[in-house]
Amino acid sequence: MAQIALTPCAIKLHTPHNPKGMILMTRFHKLISTASLLLAATLTSAHAQDATPLQTGVFHGQVHATSGRASVYKGTDGKLTLRLTNFKTSNGPDVHVLLIAADDAQDNDNFLKGNVERIELGKLKGNEGDQNYDIPAGTDLAKFHRIAIYCVRFNANFGTAPLEK
């Protein structure tokens, strides 16, 4: 009877005729892992692209040139997702994506002093390209209707996108 042992890097096939025989599947394993990650990213991306955004806006730079579009989508499960598309900004240390409750997307004085409420969506995943961020359940988009790309280390607003319906 054949026995199959699974390891992180190989599949070993032992048979009565060749008890020490081994079929290495390292490349296959890596291919499957990569394909799984790409499929998950594609499904998330396709879901956001097929849906109509609840709100959307275009970035304008503050301290650094920042461009692209920010859109909020609501999934069939009710979950809110922020999607940045054609996004580009400067690289920087400790850069985060925030939802802010500012009436004016260019109100840096109040924003940088901490006088504006904010919701942290996470560290910036990359300074170029499309990316998604989960928005916490119960977030009031009528109040938090600006997206800010914010560098914590230098207390600098790289760019802001006002969201509109």
N, C-alpha and C. Protein backbone atom coordinates (compact mmCIF):
# COMPACT_ATOMS: atom_id res chain seq x y z
N MET A 1 0.84 -1.18 0.00
CA MET A 1 0.00 0.00 0.00
C MET A 1 0.89 1.24 0.00
N ALA A 2 0.52 2.23 -0.80
CA ALA A 2 1.28 3.48 -0.88
C ALA A 2 0.91 4.38 0.28
N GLN A 3 1.90 5.10 0.78
CA GLN A 3 1.68 6.10 1.82
C GLN A 3 2.13 7.44 1.29
N ILE A 4 1.33 8.47 1.55
CA ILE A 4 1.68 9.82 1.12
C ILE A 4 1.89 10.66 2.36
N ALA A 5 3.02 11.35 2.44
CA ALA A 5 3.30 12.25 3.56
C ALA A 5 3.38 13.67 3.01
N LEU A 6 2.64 14.58 3.61
CA LEU A 6 2.67 15.98 3.19
C LEU A 6 3.59 16.76 4.11
N THR A 7 4.47 17.53 3.53
CA THR A 7 5.33 18.43 4.28
C THR A 7 5.19 19.80 3.65
N PRO A 8 5.64 20.86 4.31
CA PRO A 8 5.48 22.20 3.73
C PRO A 8 6.14 22.36 2.36
N CYS A 9 7.19 21.61 2.08
CA CYS A 9 7.93 21.83 0.83
C CYS A 9 7.90 20.65 -0.13
N ALA A 10 7.39 19.50 0.28
CA ALA A 10 7.45 18.35 -0.61
C ALA A 10 6.32 17.38 -0.31
N ILE A 11 6.00 16.59 -1.31
CA ILE A 11 5.09 15.45 -1.13
C ILE A 11 5.93 14.22 -1.38
N LYS A 12 5.99 13.30 -0.41
CA LYS A 12 6.79 12.10 -0.54
C LYS A 12 5.85 10.93 -0.83
N LEU A 13 6.16 10.17 -1.83
CA LEU A 13 5.35 9.03 -2.20
C LEU A 13 6.17 7.77 -1.95
N HIS A 14 5.77 7.01 -0.93
CA HIS A 14 6.45 5.77 -0.60
C HIS A 14 5.58 4.61 -1.08
N THR A 15 6.17 3.68 -1.81
CA THR A 15 5.45 2.50 -2.28
C THR A 15 6.21 1.26 -1.80
N PRO A 16 5.53 0.10 -1.80
CA PRO A 16 6.23 -1.13 -1.38
C PRO A 16 7.43 -1.44 -2.28
N HIS A 17 7.38 -1.05 -3.54
CA HIS A 17 8.47 -1.33 -4.46
C HIS A 17 9.61 -0.34 -4.34
N ASN A 18 9.34 0.82 -3.80
CA ASN A 18 10.37 1.86 -3.68
C ASN A 18 10.14 2.63 -2.38
N PRO A 19 10.44 2.00 -1.22
CA PRO A 19 10.10 2.61 0.07
C PRO A 19 10.81 3.94 0.34
N LYS A 20 11.91 4.21 -0.33
CA LYS A 20 12.62 5.47 -0.11
C LYS A 20 12.38 6.46 -1.25
N GLY A 21 11.48 6.09 -2.17
CA GLY A 21 11.21 6.97 -3.31
C GLY A 21 10.53 8.25 -2.88
N MET A 22 10.80 9.32 -3.60
CA MET A 22 10.22 10.60 -3.25
C MET A 22 9.95 11.40 -4.52
N ILE A 23 8.79 12.01 -4.58
CA ILE A 23 8.47 12.93 -5.65
C ILE A 23 8.43 14.31 -5.04
N LEU A 24 9.38 15.13 -5.39
CA LEU A 24 9.42 16.49 -4.84
C LEU A 24 8.40 17.37 -5.55
N MET A 25 7.65 18.09 -4.78
CA MET A 25 6.62 18.94 -5.34
C MET A 25 6.79 20.39 -4.88
N THR A 26 8.01 20.78 -4.59
CA THR A 26 8.25 22.12 -4.07
C THR A 26 7.69 23.20 -4.98
N ARG A 27 7.99 23.14 -6.26
CA ARG A 27 7.51 24.17 -7.17
C ARG A 27 6.00 24.13 -7.29
N PHE A 28 5.44 22.94 -7.33
CA PHE A 28 3.99 22.82 -7.41
C PHE A 28 3.33 23.42 -6.18
N HIS A 29 3.88 23.13 -5.01
CA HIS A 29 3.34 23.66 -3.76
C HIS A 29 3.37 25.19 -3.77
N LYS A 30 4.50 25.77 -4.20
CA LYS A 30 4.62 27.22 -4.26
C LYS A 30 3.65 27.81 -5.27
N LEU A 31 3.48 27.12 -6.39
CA LEU A 31 2.55 27.57 -7.41
C LEU A 31 1.12 27.60 -6.88
N ILE A 32 0.73 26.56 -6.16
CA ILE A 32 -0.62 26.49 -5.59
C ILE A 32 -0.81 27.59 -4.56
N SER A 33 0.19 27.81 -3.71
CA SER A 33 0.09 28.87 -2.70
C SER A 33 -0.06 30.23 -3.35
N THR A 34 0.76 30.50 -4.36
CA THR A 34 0.70 31.78 -5.07
C THR A 34 -0.64 31.94 -5.78
N ALA A 35 -1.10 30.87 -6.42
CA ALA A 35 -2.38 30.93 -7.13
C ALA A 35 -3.54 31.21 -6.16
N SER A 36 -3.49 30.63 -4.98
CA SER A 36 -4.54 30.86 -3.98
C SER A 36 -4.57 32.32 -3.55
N LEU A 37 -3.39 32.89 -3.33
CA LEU A 37 -3.33 34.31 -2.94
C LEU A 37 -3.83 35.21 -4.05
N LEU A 38 -3.43 34.92 -5.29
CA LEU A 38 -3.87 35.73 -6.41
C LEU A 38 -5.38 35.63 -6.61
N LEU A 39 -5.94 34.43 -6.44
CA LEU A 39 -7.38 34.25 -6.58
C LEU A 39 -8.13 35.06 -5.53
N ALA A 40 -7.66 35.02 -4.30
CA ALA A 40 -8.31 35.80 -3.23
C ALA A 40 -8.26 37.29 -3.54
N ALA A 41 -7.11 37.78 -4.00
CA ALA A 41 -6.98 39.20 -4.34
C ALA A 41 -7.86 39.57 -5.52
N THR A 42 -7.95 38.69 -6.50
CA THR A 42 -8.77 38.95 -7.69
C THR A 42 -10.24 38.99 -7.33
N LEU A 43 -10.68 38.06 -6.48
CA LEU A 43 -12.09 38.05 -6.08
C LEU A 43 -12.45 39.31 -5.32
N THR A 44 -11.57 39.75 -4.42
CA THR A 44 -11.82 40.99 -3.67
C THR A 44 -11.86 42.16 -4.63
N SER A 45 -10.91 42.22 -5.55
CA SER A 45 -10.85 43.30 -6.52
C SER A 45 -12.07 43.29 -7.43
N ALA A 46 -12.45 42.12 -7.93
CA ALA A 46 -13.60 42.02 -8.83
C ALA A 46 -14.88 42.42 -8.11
N HIS A 47 -15.01 42.02 -6.85
CA HIS A 47 -16.21 42.38 -6.08
C HIS A 47 -16.32 43.90 -5.97
N ALA A 48 -15.21 44.57 -5.67
CA ALA A 48 -15.23 46.02 -5.53
C ALA A 48 -15.48 46.70 -6.87
N GLN A 49 -14.95 46.13 -7.96
CA GLN A 49 -15.10 46.77 -9.26
C GLN A 49 -16.50 46.58 -9.82
N ASP A 50 -17.17 45.46 -9.50
CA ASP A 50 -18.50 45.20 -10.03
C ASP A 50 -19.56 46.03 -9.32
N ALA A 51 -19.32 46.37 -8.09
CA ALA A 51 -20.30 47.11 -7.30
C ALA A 51 -20.22 48.61 -7.62
N THR A 52 -21.29 49.30 -7.32
CA THR A 52 -21.31 50.74 -7.46
C THR A 52 -20.84 51.35 -6.14
N PRO A 53 -19.90 52.30 -6.21
CA PRO A 53 -19.42 52.88 -4.95
C PRO A 53 -20.50 53.71 -4.26
N LEU A 54 -20.50 53.66 -2.92
CA LEU A 54 -21.39 54.51 -2.13
C LEU A 54 -20.92 55.95 -2.20
N GLN A 55 -19.60 56.11 -2.10
CA GLN A 55 -18.98 57.43 -2.15
C GLN A 55 -17.65 57.30 -2.88
N THR A 56 -17.23 58.38 -3.50
CA THR A 56 -15.95 58.36 -4.20
C THR A 56 -15.36 59.77 -4.23
N GLY A 57 -14.06 59.85 -4.38
CA GLY A 57 -13.39 61.14 -4.45
C GLY A 57 -12.00 60.99 -5.02
N VAL A 58 -11.42 62.11 -5.43
CA VAL A 58 -10.09 62.13 -6.04
C VAL A 58 -9.10 62.77 -5.06
N PHE A 59 -7.92 62.16 -4.94
CA PHE A 59 -6.88 62.68 -4.06
C PHE A 59 -6.26 63.94 -4.64
N HIS A 60 -5.91 64.84 -3.74
CA HIS A 60 -5.06 65.98 -4.08
C HIS A 60 -3.97 66.03 -3.02
N GLY A 61 -2.78 66.42 -3.44
CA GLY A 61 -1.63 66.42 -2.55
C GLY A 61 -1.69 67.55 -1.55
N GLN A 62 -1.10 67.30 -0.41
CA GLN A 62 -0.93 68.34 0.61
C GLN A 62 0.57 68.61 0.71
N VAL A 63 1.27 67.76 1.44
CA VAL A 63 2.71 67.91 1.60
C VAL A 63 3.45 67.27 0.43
N HIS A 64 2.91 66.17 -0.10
CA HIS A 64 3.52 65.44 -1.21
C HIS A 64 2.49 65.25 -2.31
N ALA A 65 2.95 65.14 -3.54
CA ALA A 65 2.04 64.87 -4.66
C ALA A 65 1.35 63.53 -4.40
N THR A 66 0.03 63.55 -4.37
CA THR A 66 -0.77 62.35 -4.14
C THR A 66 -1.90 62.37 -5.14
N SER A 67 -2.12 61.24 -5.81
CA SER A 67 -3.17 61.18 -6.82
C SER A 67 -3.85 59.82 -6.79
N GLY A 68 -4.97 59.74 -7.48
CA GLY A 68 -5.74 58.50 -7.54
C GLY A 68 -7.15 58.73 -7.04
N ARG A 69 -7.91 57.66 -6.96
CA ARG A 69 -9.30 57.73 -6.54
C ARG A 69 -9.51 56.88 -5.30
N ALA A 70 -10.32 57.38 -4.38
CA ALA A 70 -10.75 56.65 -3.19
C ALA A 70 -12.25 56.40 -3.32
N SER A 71 -12.67 55.15 -3.15
CA SER A 71 -14.09 54.81 -3.27
C SER A 71 -14.47 53.87 -2.12
N VAL A 72 -15.67 54.07 -1.61
CA VAL A 72 -16.20 53.20 -0.55
C VAL A 72 -17.27 52.31 -1.16
N TYR A 73 -17.12 51.00 -0.95
CA TYR A 73 -18.06 50.01 -1.47
C TYR A 73 -18.70 49.27 -0.30
N LYS A 74 -19.94 48.84 -0.51
CA LYS A 74 -20.64 48.04 0.49
C LYS A 74 -20.87 46.66 -0.11
N GLY A 75 -20.34 45.65 0.56
CA GLY A 75 -20.48 44.27 0.10
C GLY A 75 -21.87 43.74 0.37
N THR A 76 -22.17 42.58 -0.20
CA THR A 76 -23.49 41.96 0.01
C THR A 76 -23.70 41.58 1.47
N ASP A 77 -22.59 41.42 2.20
CA ASP A 77 -22.68 41.11 3.63
C ASP A 77 -22.79 42.38 4.49
N GLY A 78 -22.83 43.56 3.84
CA GLY A 78 -22.94 44.83 4.55
C GLY A 78 -21.61 45.43 4.95
N LYS A 79 -20.53 44.71 4.71
CA LYS A 79 -19.20 45.17 5.08
C LYS A 79 -18.75 46.30 4.15
N LEU A 80 -18.18 47.36 4.74
CA LEU A 80 -17.67 48.50 3.96
C LEU A 80 -16.18 48.34 3.68
N THR A 81 -15.80 48.66 2.44
CA THR A 81 -14.41 48.57 2.02
C THR A 81 -14.00 49.86 1.32
N LEU A 82 -12.86 50.40 1.69
CA LEU A 82 -12.26 51.53 0.98
C LEU A 82 -11.33 50.95 -0.07
N ARG A 83 -11.49 51.40 -1.30
CA ARG A 83 -10.62 50.94 -2.39
C ARG A 83 -9.91 52.15 -2.98
N LEU A 84 -8.57 52.10 -3.00
CA LEU A 84 -7.77 53.11 -3.66
C LEU A 84 -7.40 52.57 -5.04
N THR A 85 -7.67 53.35 -6.09
CA THR A 85 -7.35 52.92 -7.45
C THR A 85 -6.48 53.98 -8.13
N ASN A 86 -5.61 53.50 -8.99
CA ASN A 86 -4.64 54.38 -9.67
C ASN A 86 -3.93 55.29 -8.66
N PHE A 87 -3.68 54.73 -7.49
CA PHE A 87 -3.15 55.50 -6.37
C PHE A 87 -1.64 55.68 -6.51
N LYS A 88 -1.18 56.88 -6.14
CA LYS A 88 0.25 57.16 -6.12
C LYS A 88 0.54 58.29 -5.14
N THR A 89 1.54 58.08 -4.31
CA THR A 89 2.00 59.10 -3.38
C THR A 89 3.48 58.89 -3.13
N SER A 90 4.08 59.78 -2.38
CA SER A 90 5.49 59.62 -2.03
C SER A 90 5.65 58.50 -1.02
N ASN A 91 6.82 57.91 -1.01
CA ASN A 91 7.13 56.91 -0.01
C ASN A 91 7.50 57.64 1.28
N GLY A 92 7.17 57.06 2.39
CA GLY A 92 7.50 57.69 3.66
C GLY A 92 7.42 56.70 4.79
N PRO A 93 7.97 57.08 5.95
CA PRO A 93 7.94 56.18 7.10
C PRO A 93 6.61 56.28 7.85
N ASP A 94 6.09 55.16 8.26
CA ASP A 94 4.90 55.10 9.13
C ASP A 94 3.72 55.88 8.56
N VAL A 95 3.36 55.58 7.29
CA VAL A 95 2.26 56.26 6.61
C VAL A 95 0.98 55.43 6.80
N HIS A 96 -0.11 56.10 7.14
CA HIS A 96 -1.37 55.43 7.45
C HIS A 96 -2.51 55.99 6.59
N VAL A 97 -3.58 55.20 6.49
CA VAL A 97 -4.80 55.62 5.80
C VAL A 97 -5.83 55.90 6.88
N LEU A 98 -6.41 57.09 6.83
CA LEU A 98 -7.38 57.51 7.84
C LEU A 98 -8.67 57.98 7.19
N LEU A 99 -9.77 57.75 7.89
CA LEU A 99 -11.03 58.44 7.59
C LEU A 99 -11.07 59.61 8.56
N ILE A 100 -11.35 60.81 8.06
CA ILE A 100 -11.37 61.96 8.97
C ILE A 100 -12.71 62.69 8.86
N ALA A 101 -13.08 63.31 9.98
CA ALA A 101 -14.33 64.08 10.06
C ALA A 101 -13.98 65.56 9.92
N ALA A 102 -13.62 65.96 8.71
CA ALA A 102 -13.27 67.36 8.44
C ALA A 102 -14.22 67.89 7.39
N ASP A 103 -14.68 69.12 7.56
CA ASP A 103 -15.56 69.73 6.55
C ASP A 103 -14.78 70.14 5.32
N ASP A 104 -13.53 70.50 5.53
CA ASP A 104 -12.68 70.95 4.42
C ASP A 104 -11.50 69.99 4.33
N ALA A 105 -11.34 69.35 3.19
CA ALA A 105 -10.26 68.37 3.01
C ALA A 105 -8.88 69.02 3.09
N GLN A 106 -8.82 70.35 3.01
CA GLN A 106 -7.54 71.04 3.07
C GLN A 106 -7.31 71.71 4.43
N ASP A 107 -8.10 71.33 5.44
CA ASP A 107 -7.99 71.92 6.77
C ASP A 107 -6.86 71.24 7.55
N ASN A 108 -5.63 71.47 7.10
CA ASN A 108 -4.48 70.82 7.74
C ASN A 108 -4.20 71.36 9.13
N ASP A 109 -4.49 72.62 9.39
CA ASP A 109 -4.20 73.18 10.71
C ASP A 109 -4.90 72.38 11.80
N ASN A 110 -6.20 72.19 11.67
CA ASN A 110 -6.95 71.43 12.68
C ASN A 110 -6.62 69.95 12.64
N PHE A 111 -6.47 69.39 11.44
CA PHE A 111 -6.17 67.96 11.30
C PHE A 111 -4.85 67.62 11.97
N LEU A 112 -3.80 68.37 11.69
CA LEU A 112 -2.48 68.06 12.22
C LEU A 112 -2.36 68.32 13.71
N LYS A 113 -3.18 69.20 14.25
CA LYS A 113 -3.19 69.46 15.70
C LYS A 113 -4.00 68.41 16.45
N GLY A 114 -4.65 67.51 15.72
CA GLY A 114 -5.45 66.48 16.37
C GLY A 114 -6.84 66.94 16.73
N ASN A 115 -7.27 68.08 16.18
CA ASN A 115 -8.60 68.62 16.49
C ASN A 115 -9.69 68.03 15.59
N VAL A 116 -9.36 67.08 14.76
CA VAL A 116 -10.31 66.46 13.85
C VAL A 116 -10.40 64.98 14.21
N GLU A 117 -11.63 64.49 14.38
CA GLU A 117 -11.81 63.07 14.67
C GLU A 117 -11.31 62.24 13.50
N ARG A 118 -10.77 61.08 13.82
CA ARG A 118 -10.22 60.21 12.78
C ARG A 118 -10.45 58.75 13.13
N ILE A 119 -10.51 57.95 12.08
CA ILE A 119 -10.61 56.50 12.23
C ILE A 119 -9.46 55.90 11.44
N GLU A 120 -8.64 55.14 12.14
CA GLU A 120 -7.48 54.48 11.53
C GLU A 120 -7.94 53.28 10.72
N LEU A 121 -7.55 53.23 9.43
CA LEU A 121 -7.87 52.09 8.57
C LEU A 121 -6.67 51.16 8.39
N GLY A 122 -5.50 51.60 8.82
CA GLY A 122 -4.32 50.76 8.74
C GLY A 122 -3.15 51.46 8.09
N LYS A 123 -2.01 50.78 8.13
CA LYS A 123 -0.82 51.29 7.47
C LYS A 123 -1.02 51.24 5.97
N LEU A 124 -0.45 52.21 5.27
CA LEU A 124 -0.50 52.25 3.82
C LEU A 124 0.19 51.00 3.29
N LYS A 125 -0.50 50.25 2.41
CA LYS A 125 0.03 48.98 1.90
C LYS A 125 1.09 49.19 0.83
N GLY A 126 1.08 50.32 0.19
CA GLY A 126 2.07 50.62 -0.83
C GLY A 126 1.88 52.04 -1.32
N ASN A 127 2.94 52.67 -1.78
CA ASN A 127 2.78 54.06 -2.20
C ASN A 127 2.32 54.17 -3.66
N GLU A 128 2.13 53.01 -4.33
CA GLU A 128 1.57 53.00 -5.69
C GLU A 128 0.67 51.79 -5.86
N GLY A 129 -0.41 51.97 -6.61
CA GLY A 129 -1.25 50.84 -6.99
C GLY A 129 -2.57 50.76 -6.25
N ASP A 130 -3.40 49.84 -6.73
CA ASP A 130 -4.73 49.61 -6.17
C ASP A 130 -4.60 48.84 -4.86
N GLN A 131 -5.44 49.18 -3.89
CA GLN A 131 -5.41 48.52 -2.59
C GLN A 131 -6.72 48.71 -1.86
N ASN A 132 -7.03 47.77 -0.96
CA ASN A 132 -8.28 47.79 -0.20
C ASN A 132 -8.02 47.90 1.30
N TYR A 133 -8.96 48.55 1.99
CA TYR A 133 -8.91 48.68 3.45
C TYR A 133 -10.31 48.46 4.00
N ASP A 134 -10.41 47.68 5.07
CA ASP A 134 -11.70 47.46 5.72
C ASP A 134 -12.07 48.70 6.53
N ILE A 135 -13.34 49.05 6.47
CA ILE A 135 -13.87 50.16 7.26
C ILE A 135 -14.64 49.54 8.42
N PRO A 136 -14.37 49.95 9.65
CA PRO A 136 -15.03 49.35 10.80
C PRO A 136 -16.56 49.44 10.70
N ALA A 137 -17.23 48.39 11.16
CA ALA A 137 -18.69 48.37 11.18
C ALA A 137 -19.21 49.53 12.02
N GLY A 138 -20.29 50.13 11.57
CA GLY A 138 -20.91 51.23 12.31
C GLY A 138 -20.32 52.60 12.01
N THR A 139 -19.36 52.68 11.10
CA THR A 139 -18.76 53.98 10.76
C THR A 139 -19.78 54.86 10.06
N ASP A 140 -19.92 56.08 10.54
CA ASP A 140 -20.85 57.06 9.97
C ASP A 140 -20.16 57.79 8.82
N LEU A 141 -20.46 57.38 7.59
CA LEU A 141 -19.82 57.99 6.42
C LEU A 141 -20.28 59.41 6.17
N ALA A 142 -21.41 59.81 6.75
CA ALA A 142 -21.84 61.20 6.63
C ALA A 142 -20.91 62.11 7.46
N LYS A 143 -20.34 61.56 8.51
CA LYS A 143 -19.43 62.31 9.36
C LYS A 143 -17.98 62.16 8.91
N PHE A 144 -17.55 60.94 8.63
CA PHE A 144 -16.17 60.64 8.22
C PHE A 144 -16.16 60.53 6.70
N HIS A 145 -16.06 61.67 6.04
CA HIS A 145 -16.20 61.70 4.58
C HIS A 145 -14.97 62.26 3.87
N ARG A 146 -13.82 62.09 4.49
CA ARG A 146 -12.55 62.45 3.87
C ARG A 146 -11.56 61.32 4.14
N ILE A 147 -10.74 61.01 3.15
CA ILE A 147 -9.67 60.03 3.32
C ILE A 147 -8.37 60.80 3.37
N ALA A 148 -7.55 60.52 4.37
CA ALA A 148 -6.24 61.18 4.49
C ALA A 148 -5.14 60.14 4.46
N ILE A 149 -4.06 60.44 3.76
CA ILE A 149 -2.85 59.65 3.76
C ILE A 149 -1.89 60.42 4.67
N TYR A 150 -1.60 59.85 5.83
CA TYR A 150 -0.98 60.58 6.92
C TYR A 150 0.30 59.91 7.39
N CYS A 151 1.38 60.68 7.49
CA CYS A 151 2.65 60.19 8.01
C CYS A 151 2.73 60.53 9.50
N VAL A 152 2.69 59.50 10.33
CA VAL A 152 2.70 59.69 11.78
C VAL A 152 4.03 60.28 12.24
N ARG A 153 5.13 59.75 11.74
CA ARG A 153 6.45 60.18 12.21
C ARG A 153 6.66 61.68 12.05
N PHE A 154 6.24 62.23 10.91
CA PHE A 154 6.47 63.65 10.66
C PHE A 154 5.21 64.50 10.80
N ASN A 155 4.12 63.91 11.29
CA ASN A 155 2.86 64.62 11.45
C ASN A 155 2.53 65.39 10.17
N ALA A 156 2.53 64.65 9.05
CA ALA A 156 2.33 65.29 7.74
C ALA A 156 1.19 64.60 6.99
N ASN A 157 0.30 65.41 6.44
CA ASN A 157 -0.78 64.91 5.60
C ASN A 157 -0.28 64.88 4.16
N PHE A 158 -0.01 63.66 3.66
CA PHE A 158 0.50 63.54 2.28
C PHE A 158 -0.54 63.95 1.26
N GLY A 159 -1.80 63.60 1.51
CA GLY A 159 -2.87 63.94 0.57
C GLY A 159 -4.22 63.55 1.12
N THR A 160 -5.26 64.16 0.55
CA THR A 160 -6.62 63.95 1.02
C THR A 160 -7.57 63.77 -0.16
N ALA A 161 -8.59 62.94 0.05
CA ALA A 161 -9.64 62.76 -0.95
C ALA A 161 -10.99 63.04 -0.29
N PRO A 162 -11.72 64.05 -0.74
CA PRO A 162 -13.08 64.28 -0.22
C PRO A 162 -14.03 63.28 -0.88
N LEU A 163 -14.82 62.59 -0.06
CA LEU A 163 -15.76 61.59 -0.58
C LEU A 163 -17.12 62.22 -0.82
N GLU A 164 -17.70 61.93 -1.97
CA GLU A 164 -19.03 62.42 -2.31
C GLU A 164 -19.85 61.28 -2.90
N LYS A 165 -21.18 61.42 -2.83
CA LYS A 165 -22.06 60.41 -3.40
C LYS A 165 -22.15 60.54 -4.89
